Amino acid sequence: MALQSLAFVDGLQKNRSDAKDSKLVMAVKRAAVDTVEPHIKPVLWSMISLQLATSARPGEVRLMKMEDIRNRFGLEASRLILGHSSADPTLVYAERDFEAAEAVIRQMG
């Protein structure tokens, strides 16, 4: 829905704002990234490798793991690990489990 709404928003136009352009951030060369591997924990290197392979952002990688934790240990475990005071924000990250929904529908007839 948000993506559809954005279709109606005019794009940014040059010289229409007093805001300054930020400096262009260049990508780090892969060789430079590889030099950190011996100095970090294996789990962190795994996250970096996943980011390199999928172009996922760090938060997206973290949430992939949270999906696994929620599926295996439940919502409360996910909530505690994320540090949320209630389950509501944790639910935002919940993956839709269509297989579970289908199973419920089959059982209900």
N, C-alpha and C. Protein backbone atom coordinates (compact mmCIF):
# COMPACT_ATOMS: atom_id res chain seq x y z
N MET A 1 0.82 -1.18 0.00
CA MET A 1 0.00 0.00 0.00
C MET A 1 0.87 1.26 0.00
N ALA A 2 1.92 1.27 0.81
CA ALA A 2 2.80 2.44 0.86
C ALA A 2 3.47 2.65 -0.49
N LEU A 3 3.88 1.57 -1.13
CA LEU A 3 4.53 1.67 -2.43
C LEU A 3 3.56 2.27 -3.44
N GLN A 4 2.31 1.87 -3.41
CA GLN A 4 1.32 2.42 -4.32
C GLN A 4 1.11 3.91 -4.04
N SER A 5 1.10 4.29 -2.78
CA SER A 5 0.93 5.69 -2.41
C SER A 5 2.09 6.54 -2.89
N LEU A 6 3.29 5.98 -2.85
CA LEU A 6 4.46 6.73 -3.29
C LEU A 6 4.42 7.06 -4.77
N ALA A 7 3.68 6.30 -5.53
CA ALA A 7 3.57 6.56 -6.96
C ALA A 7 2.95 7.93 -7.24
N PHE A 8 2.18 8.46 -6.27
CA PHE A 8 1.51 9.74 -6.45
C PHE A 8 2.32 10.93 -5.91
N VAL A 9 3.49 10.67 -5.34
CA VAL A 9 4.33 11.72 -4.78
C VAL A 9 5.31 12.19 -5.84
N ASP A 10 5.38 13.50 -6.02
CA ASP A 10 6.35 14.05 -6.98
C ASP A 10 7.76 13.78 -6.51
N GLY A 11 8.65 13.52 -7.44
CA GLY A 11 10.04 13.29 -7.10
C GLY A 11 10.73 14.56 -6.64
N LEU A 12 11.87 14.40 -6.00
CA LEU A 12 12.65 15.55 -5.57
C LEU A 12 13.18 16.29 -6.79
N GLN A 13 13.19 17.59 -6.70
CA GLN A 13 13.68 18.41 -7.81
C GLN A 13 14.86 19.24 -7.34
N LYS A 14 15.84 19.38 -8.21
CA LYS A 14 17.07 20.10 -7.89
C LYS A 14 16.75 21.57 -7.58
N ASN A 15 17.45 22.11 -6.58
CA ASN A 15 17.36 23.52 -6.17
C ASN A 15 15.98 23.93 -5.65
N ARG A 16 15.17 22.98 -5.16
CA ARG A 16 13.86 23.29 -4.61
C ARG A 16 13.88 23.32 -3.09
N SER A 17 15.06 23.11 -2.49
CA SER A 17 15.17 23.07 -1.04
C SER A 17 16.49 23.68 -0.62
N ASP A 18 16.53 24.17 0.61
CA ASP A 18 17.78 24.69 1.17
C ASP A 18 18.64 23.58 1.76
N ALA A 19 18.11 22.38 1.77
CA ALA A 19 18.84 21.25 2.35
C ALA A 19 20.09 20.98 1.51
N LYS A 20 21.16 20.69 2.19
CA LYS A 20 22.43 20.40 1.52
C LYS A 20 22.50 18.92 1.18
N ASP A 21 23.07 18.63 0.03
CA ASP A 21 23.28 17.23 -0.33
C ASP A 21 24.35 16.64 0.56
N SER A 22 24.11 15.40 0.98
CA SER A 22 25.14 14.74 1.78
C SER A 22 26.24 14.26 0.85
N LYS A 23 27.41 14.01 1.43
CA LYS A 23 28.53 13.52 0.64
C LYS A 23 28.22 12.13 0.12
N LEU A 24 28.67 11.86 -1.07
CA LEU A 24 28.47 10.56 -1.67
C LEU A 24 29.28 9.52 -0.90
N VAL A 25 28.63 8.44 -0.51
CA VAL A 25 29.30 7.38 0.22
C VAL A 25 29.63 6.27 -0.76
N MET A 26 30.88 5.95 -0.87
CA MET A 26 31.33 4.92 -1.80
C MET A 26 31.37 3.57 -1.10
N ALA A 27 31.15 2.53 -1.87
CA ALA A 27 31.21 1.18 -1.32
C ALA A 27 32.65 0.83 -0.95
N VAL A 28 32.78 0.02 0.07
CA VAL A 28 34.10 -0.47 0.48
C VAL A 28 34.47 -1.65 -0.43
N LYS A 29 35.70 -1.71 -0.83
CA LYS A 29 36.14 -2.81 -1.68
C LYS A 29 36.10 -4.12 -0.89
N ARG A 30 35.76 -5.19 -1.57
CA ARG A 30 35.62 -6.50 -0.94
C ARG A 30 36.90 -6.91 -0.23
N ALA A 31 38.04 -6.61 -0.80
CA ALA A 31 39.32 -6.97 -0.17
C ALA A 31 39.45 -6.33 1.21
N ALA A 32 38.96 -5.11 1.34
CA ALA A 32 39.03 -4.42 2.64
C ALA A 32 38.10 -5.11 3.65
N VAL A 33 36.94 -5.54 3.19
CA VAL A 33 36.00 -6.24 4.07
C VAL A 33 36.62 -7.56 4.54
N ASP A 34 37.24 -8.28 3.62
CA ASP A 34 37.82 -9.58 3.95
C ASP A 34 38.93 -9.49 5.01
N THR A 35 39.57 -8.35 5.12
CA THR A 35 40.67 -8.22 6.09
C THR A 35 40.18 -8.27 7.54
N VAL A 36 38.89 -8.02 7.78
CA VAL A 36 38.39 -8.02 9.16
C VAL A 36 38.07 -9.42 9.66
N GLU A 37 37.91 -10.39 8.77
CA GLU A 37 37.45 -11.72 9.18
C GLU A 37 38.25 -12.32 10.33
N PRO A 38 39.59 -12.29 10.30
CA PRO A 38 40.33 -12.92 11.40
C PRO A 38 40.18 -12.20 12.75
N HIS A 39 39.63 -10.99 12.73
CA HIS A 39 39.58 -10.18 13.95
C HIS A 39 38.20 -10.11 14.59
N ILE A 40 37.22 -10.80 14.01
CA ILE A 40 35.87 -10.73 14.56
C ILE A 40 35.33 -12.13 14.84
N LYS A 41 34.27 -12.18 15.60
CA LYS A 41 33.65 -13.47 15.95
C LYS A 41 33.04 -14.10 14.70
N PRO A 42 33.03 -15.42 14.64
CA PRO A 42 32.46 -16.12 13.48
C PRO A 42 31.01 -15.74 13.18
N VAL A 43 30.22 -15.51 14.22
CA VAL A 43 28.82 -15.17 13.99
C VAL A 43 28.71 -13.82 13.27
N LEU A 44 29.57 -12.89 13.63
CA LEU A 44 29.56 -11.59 12.97
C LEU A 44 30.01 -11.72 11.52
N TRP A 45 31.04 -12.54 11.28
CA TRP A 45 31.48 -12.75 9.90
C TRP A 45 30.37 -13.41 9.08
N SER A 46 29.61 -14.30 9.70
CA SER A 46 28.49 -14.92 9.00
C SER A 46 27.46 -13.88 8.59
N MET A 47 27.19 -12.92 9.49
CA MET A 47 26.24 -11.86 9.16
C MET A 47 26.76 -11.00 8.02
N ILE A 48 28.06 -10.68 8.05
CA ILE A 48 28.65 -9.89 6.98
C ILE A 48 28.57 -10.65 5.66
N SER A 49 28.86 -11.94 5.69
CA SER A 49 28.80 -12.76 4.48
C SER A 49 27.38 -12.79 3.92
N LEU A 50 26.40 -12.89 4.81
CA LEU A 50 25.01 -12.88 4.37
C LEU A 50 24.66 -11.54 3.73
N GLN A 51 25.12 -10.47 4.35
CA GLN A 51 24.87 -9.14 3.78
C GLN A 51 25.50 -9.01 2.39
N LEU A 52 26.71 -9.50 2.25
CA LEU A 52 27.37 -9.43 0.95
C LEU A 52 26.64 -10.26 -0.10
N ALA A 53 26.12 -11.40 0.30
CA ALA A 53 25.45 -12.30 -0.64
C ALA A 53 24.05 -11.82 -1.02
N THR A 54 23.37 -11.13 -0.08
CA THR A 54 21.97 -10.78 -0.31
C THR A 54 21.71 -9.29 -0.42
N SER A 55 22.70 -8.48 -0.11
CA SER A 55 22.54 -7.01 -0.05
C SER A 55 21.57 -6.59 1.05
N ALA A 56 21.38 -7.45 2.04
CA ALA A 56 20.50 -7.13 3.17
C ALA A 56 21.19 -6.11 4.07
N ARG A 57 20.39 -5.28 4.71
CA ARG A 57 20.92 -4.33 5.68
C ARG A 57 21.13 -5.06 7.01
N PRO A 58 21.97 -4.49 7.90
CA PRO A 58 22.22 -5.17 9.18
C PRO A 58 20.94 -5.48 9.96
N GLY A 59 20.01 -4.55 10.01
CA GLY A 59 18.76 -4.79 10.73
C GLY A 59 17.94 -5.90 10.10
N GLU A 60 18.01 -6.01 8.79
CA GLU A 60 17.27 -7.08 8.11
C GLU A 60 17.87 -8.44 8.45
N VAL A 61 19.19 -8.50 8.53
CA VAL A 61 19.84 -9.76 8.91
C VAL A 61 19.45 -10.13 10.33
N ARG A 62 19.44 -9.15 11.23
CA ARG A 62 19.06 -9.38 12.62
C ARG A 62 17.63 -9.91 12.70
N LEU A 63 16.76 -9.34 11.91
CA LEU A 63 15.36 -9.76 11.95
C LEU A 63 15.16 -11.14 11.35
N MET A 64 16.01 -11.52 10.39
CA MET A 64 15.93 -12.88 9.87
C MET A 64 16.12 -13.87 11.01
N LYS A 65 17.08 -13.59 11.87
CA LYS A 65 17.34 -14.47 13.02
C LYS A 65 16.18 -14.41 14.00
N MET A 66 15.59 -13.22 14.17
CA MET A 66 14.47 -13.09 15.09
C MET A 66 13.30 -13.94 14.60
N GLU A 67 13.11 -14.03 13.30
CA GLU A 67 12.05 -14.89 12.77
C GLU A 67 12.28 -16.33 13.20
N ASP A 68 13.52 -16.77 13.10
CA ASP A 68 13.87 -18.14 13.49
C ASP A 68 13.62 -18.35 14.98
N ILE A 69 14.04 -17.38 15.80
CA ILE A 69 13.84 -17.48 17.26
C ILE A 69 12.35 -17.50 17.58
N ARG A 70 11.58 -16.64 16.93
CA ARG A 70 10.14 -16.61 17.20
C ARG A 70 9.49 -17.93 16.79
N ASN A 71 9.87 -18.46 15.65
CA ASN A 71 9.28 -19.72 15.19
C ASN A 71 9.64 -20.89 16.10
N ARG A 72 10.84 -20.88 16.65
CA ARG A 72 11.28 -22.01 17.48
C ARG A 72 10.92 -21.86 18.94
N PHE A 73 10.96 -20.62 19.48
CA PHE A 73 10.82 -20.43 20.92
C PHE A 73 9.64 -19.56 21.32
N GLY A 74 8.97 -18.95 20.34
CA GLY A 74 7.77 -18.18 20.63
C GLY A 74 7.97 -16.67 20.67
N LEU A 75 6.85 -16.00 20.70
CA LEU A 75 6.83 -14.53 20.68
C LEU A 75 7.51 -13.92 21.89
N GLU A 76 7.30 -14.50 23.06
CA GLU A 76 7.86 -13.93 24.29
C GLU A 76 9.39 -13.93 24.25
N ALA A 77 9.99 -15.00 23.76
CA ALA A 77 11.45 -15.04 23.65
C ALA A 77 11.94 -13.96 22.71
N SER A 78 11.27 -13.79 21.58
CA SER A 78 11.64 -12.74 20.63
C SER A 78 11.52 -11.36 21.26
N ARG A 79 10.43 -11.15 21.98
CA ARG A 79 10.20 -9.85 22.63
C ARG A 79 11.32 -9.52 23.60
N LEU A 80 11.70 -10.50 24.40
CA LEU A 80 12.76 -10.27 25.40
C LEU A 80 14.10 -9.99 24.74
N ILE A 81 14.43 -10.74 23.71
CA ILE A 81 15.71 -10.55 23.03
C ILE A 81 15.78 -9.19 22.35
N LEU A 82 14.67 -8.76 21.75
CA LEU A 82 14.64 -7.45 21.10
C LEU A 82 14.58 -6.30 22.10
N GLY A 83 14.24 -6.62 23.36
CA GLY A 83 14.18 -5.59 24.38
C GLY A 83 12.90 -4.78 24.35
N HIS A 84 11.85 -5.34 23.76
CA HIS A 84 10.57 -4.63 23.71
C HIS A 84 9.82 -4.80 25.03
N SER A 85 9.16 -3.74 25.48
CA SER A 85 8.42 -3.82 26.73
C SER A 85 7.06 -4.50 26.55
N SER A 86 6.57 -4.53 25.33
CA SER A 86 5.33 -5.27 25.04
C SER A 86 5.52 -6.03 23.73
N ALA A 87 4.60 -6.91 23.44
CA ALA A 87 4.73 -7.74 22.23
C ALA A 87 4.34 -6.98 20.97
N ASP A 88 3.65 -5.86 21.09
CA ASP A 88 3.16 -5.15 19.91
C ASP A 88 4.27 -4.83 18.89
N PRO A 89 5.38 -4.19 19.31
CA PRO A 89 6.40 -3.91 18.30
C PRO A 89 7.07 -5.18 17.77
N THR A 90 7.11 -6.20 18.58
CA THR A 90 7.71 -7.46 18.15
C THR A 90 6.89 -8.08 17.03
N LEU A 91 5.59 -7.91 17.10
CA LEU A 91 4.69 -8.47 16.08
C LEU A 91 4.91 -7.84 14.71
N VAL A 92 5.43 -6.61 14.70
CA VAL A 92 5.71 -5.95 13.42
C VAL A 92 6.71 -6.77 12.62
N TYR A 93 7.61 -7.44 13.32
CA TYR A 93 8.65 -8.22 12.66
C TYR A 93 8.23 -9.66 12.41
N ALA A 94 7.03 -10.00 12.79
CA ALA A 94 6.59 -11.39 12.67
C ALA A 94 6.35 -11.75 11.22
N GLU A 95 6.87 -12.86 10.84
CA GLU A 95 6.66 -13.37 9.48
C GLU A 95 5.27 -13.96 9.41
N ARG A 96 4.64 -13.75 8.31
CA ARG A 96 3.33 -14.37 8.12
C ARG A 96 3.53 -15.85 7.89
N ASP A 97 2.90 -16.62 8.70
CA ASP A 97 3.04 -18.06 8.59
C ASP A 97 1.82 -18.61 7.86
N PHE A 98 1.90 -18.59 6.54
CA PHE A 98 0.77 -19.01 5.72
C PHE A 98 0.49 -20.50 5.86
N GLU A 99 1.53 -21.28 6.10
CA GLU A 99 1.33 -22.72 6.28
C GLU A 99 0.51 -22.99 7.54
N ALA A 100 0.79 -22.27 8.62
CA ALA A 100 0.03 -22.45 9.86
C ALA A 100 -1.41 -21.99 9.65
N ALA A 101 -1.60 -20.90 8.94
CA ALA A 101 -2.95 -20.41 8.67
C ALA A 101 -3.73 -21.42 7.84
N GLU A 102 -3.09 -22.00 6.85
CA GLU A 102 -3.74 -23.00 6.03
C GLU A 102 -4.12 -24.23 6.86
N ALA A 103 -3.23 -24.64 7.76
CA ALA A 103 -3.52 -25.80 8.62
C ALA A 103 -4.74 -25.53 9.50
N VAL A 104 -4.85 -24.32 10.04
CA VAL A 104 -6.00 -23.95 10.87
C VAL A 104 -7.28 -24.00 10.03
N ILE A 105 -7.22 -23.46 8.83
CA ILE A 105 -8.40 -23.45 7.97
C ILE A 105 -8.83 -24.87 7.63
N ARG A 106 -7.87 -25.74 7.35
CA ARG A 106 -8.20 -27.15 7.05
C ARG A 106 -8.85 -27.83 8.26
N GLN A 107 -8.32 -27.56 9.46
CA GLN A 107 -8.87 -28.20 10.66
C GLN A 107 -10.27 -27.67 10.97
N MET A 108 -10.48 -26.40 10.70
CA MET A 108 -11.78 -25.79 11.00
C MET A 108 -12.83 -26.20 9.98
N GLY A 109 -12.40 -26.70 8.83
CA GLY A 109 -13.34 -27.17 7.80
C GLY A 109 -13.76 -26.06 6.96
